Amino acid sequence: MNDIAKYCNNNYRQVFKLFLLPNLSTYMKNLYKFLGAFLMLLMLSSATAFAQKTVTGTVLDEYDIGLPGVSILIKGTTTGTATDIDGKFSISVPNDQAVLVFS
């Protein structure tokens, strides 16, 4: 009985060395490649997000009263917002050359 236990134990070690260990190594290499690509994508997307600027302001009439419901669009895009009840707005623009259209 003791010989059978030694035989099984030794075979288990051989199986682990031959099949499981190389697969684990390949798995870890693939995991590191995936994590590297994911981190690179995350850094690029955050750099793009930081490139945007937020423009805030208030749309007033000739009596300095805020105008609610004024539409503000970035020219050439469908990105826009509207003023609140006090005429205030906030919009993210892609760069300093963006043109806002009020209507």
Protein backbone atom coordinates (compact mmCIF):
# COMPACT_ATOMS: atom_id res chain seq x y z
CA MET A 1 0.00 0.00 0.00
CA ASN A 2 2.83 2.37 0.83
CA ASP A 3 4.40 1.71 -2.58
CA ILE A 4 1.14 2.64 -4.32
CA ALA A 5 0.98 5.96 -2.45
CA LYS A 6 4.59 6.76 -3.43
CA TYR A 7 3.87 5.81 -7.05
CA CYS A 8 0.75 7.99 -7.20
CA ASN A 9 2.48 10.89 -5.49
CA ASN A 10 5.44 10.75 -7.89
CA ASN A 11 3.12 10.54 -10.90
CA TYR A 12 1.17 13.53 -9.66
CA ARG A 13 4.40 15.53 -9.44
CA GLN A 14 5.36 14.50 -12.96
CA VAL A 15 1.94 15.44 -14.32
CA PHE A 16 2.16 18.81 -12.57
CA LYS A 17 5.63 19.49 -13.99
CA LEU A 18 4.78 18.37 -17.52
CA PHE A 19 1.30 19.78 -18.03
CA LEU A 20 0.21 22.26 -15.40
CA LEU A 21 3.40 24.27 -14.90
CA PRO A 22 3.96 25.19 -18.59
CA ASN A 23 0.27 26.11 -18.99
CA LEU A 24 0.46 28.29 -15.90
CA SER A 25 3.51 30.06 -17.31
CA THR A 26 1.75 30.69 -20.63
CA TYR A 27 -1.33 31.90 -18.78
CA MET A 28 0.72 34.39 -16.75
CA LYS A 29 2.47 35.70 -19.87
CA ASN A 30 -0.89 36.26 -21.56
CA LEU A 31 -2.24 37.92 -18.43
CA TYR A 32 0.70 40.34 -18.33
CA LYS A 33 0.21 41.16 -22.02
CA PHE A 34 -3.47 41.83 -21.44
CA LEU A 35 -2.82 44.00 -18.38
CA GLY A 36 -0.18 45.97 -20.28
CA ALA A 37 -2.55 46.63 -23.17
CA PHE A 38 -5.35 47.56 -20.77
CA LEU A 39 -3.16 50.04 -18.89
CA MET A 40 -2.00 51.63 -22.15
CA LEU A 41 -5.60 52.04 -23.29
CA LEU A 42 -6.53 53.52 -19.93
CA MET A 43 -3.71 56.07 -20.11
CA LEU A 44 -4.63 57.08 -23.67
CA SER A 45 -8.30 57.51 -22.83
CA SER A 46 -7.52 59.57 -19.73
CA ALA A 47 -5.20 61.81 -21.78
CA THR A 48 -8.06 62.43 -24.20
CA ALA A 49 -10.42 63.20 -21.35
CA PHE A 50 -7.98 65.72 -19.88
CA ALA A 51 -7.67 67.47 -23.24
CA GLN A 52 -11.30 68.64 -22.99
CA LYS A 53 -12.12 71.92 -21.32
CA THR A 54 -15.30 73.03 -19.59
CA VAL A 55 -16.84 76.35 -20.52
CA THR A 56 -19.31 77.84 -18.06
CA GLY A 57 -21.25 81.05 -18.27
CA THR A 58 -24.53 82.89 -18.01
CA VAL A 59 -26.70 84.10 -20.87
CA LEU A 60 -28.25 87.48 -20.00
CA ASP A 61 -30.74 89.77 -21.71
CA GLU A 62 -30.31 93.53 -22.11
CA TYR A 63 -31.52 94.01 -18.50
CA ASP A 64 -28.97 91.55 -17.07
CA ILE A 65 -31.64 88.94 -16.36
CA GLY A 66 -30.70 85.29 -16.99
CA LEU A 67 -32.36 83.69 -20.01
CA PRO A 68 -33.59 80.13 -19.40
CA GLY A 69 -33.78 77.55 -22.20
CA VAL A 70 -31.16 79.01 -24.55
CA SER A 71 -29.55 76.25 -26.67
CA ILE A 72 -25.76 76.14 -26.84
CA LEU A 73 -24.13 73.88 -29.44
CA ILE A 74 -20.53 73.26 -30.42
CA LYS A 75 -20.40 74.31 -34.08
CA GLY A 76 -20.15 71.36 -36.47
CA THR A 77 -21.22 68.78 -33.86
CA THR A 78 -24.38 67.57 -32.17
CA THR A 79 -22.91 68.24 -28.72
CA GLY A 80 -24.83 70.84 -26.80
CA THR A 81 -26.62 71.96 -23.69
CA ALA A 82 -29.25 74.47 -22.58
CA THR A 83 -29.26 77.18 -19.96
CA ASP A 84 -31.01 76.56 -16.64
CA ILE A 85 -33.70 78.74 -15.10
CA ASP A 86 -31.10 81.39 -14.14
CA GLY A 87 -29.47 81.41 -17.60
CA LYS A 88 -26.40 79.46 -16.46
CA PHE A 89 -24.74 76.74 -18.56
CA SER A 90 -21.74 74.42 -18.59
CA ILE A 91 -20.40 72.54 -21.62
CA SER A 92 -17.28 70.46 -22.31
CA VAL A 93 -15.42 71.54 -25.44
CA PRO A 94 -12.74 69.49 -27.21
CA ASN A 95 -10.22 72.35 -27.54
CA ASP A 96 -9.68 76.11 -27.34
CA GLN A 97 -10.74 76.64 -30.96
CA ALA A 98 -14.28 75.31 -30.46
CA VAL A 99 -17.02 77.74 -31.49
CA LEU A 100 -20.23 77.89 -29.45
CA VAL A 101 -23.51 78.70 -31.19
CA PHE A 102 -26.29 80.21 -29.06
CA SER A 103 -29.92 80.13 -30.16
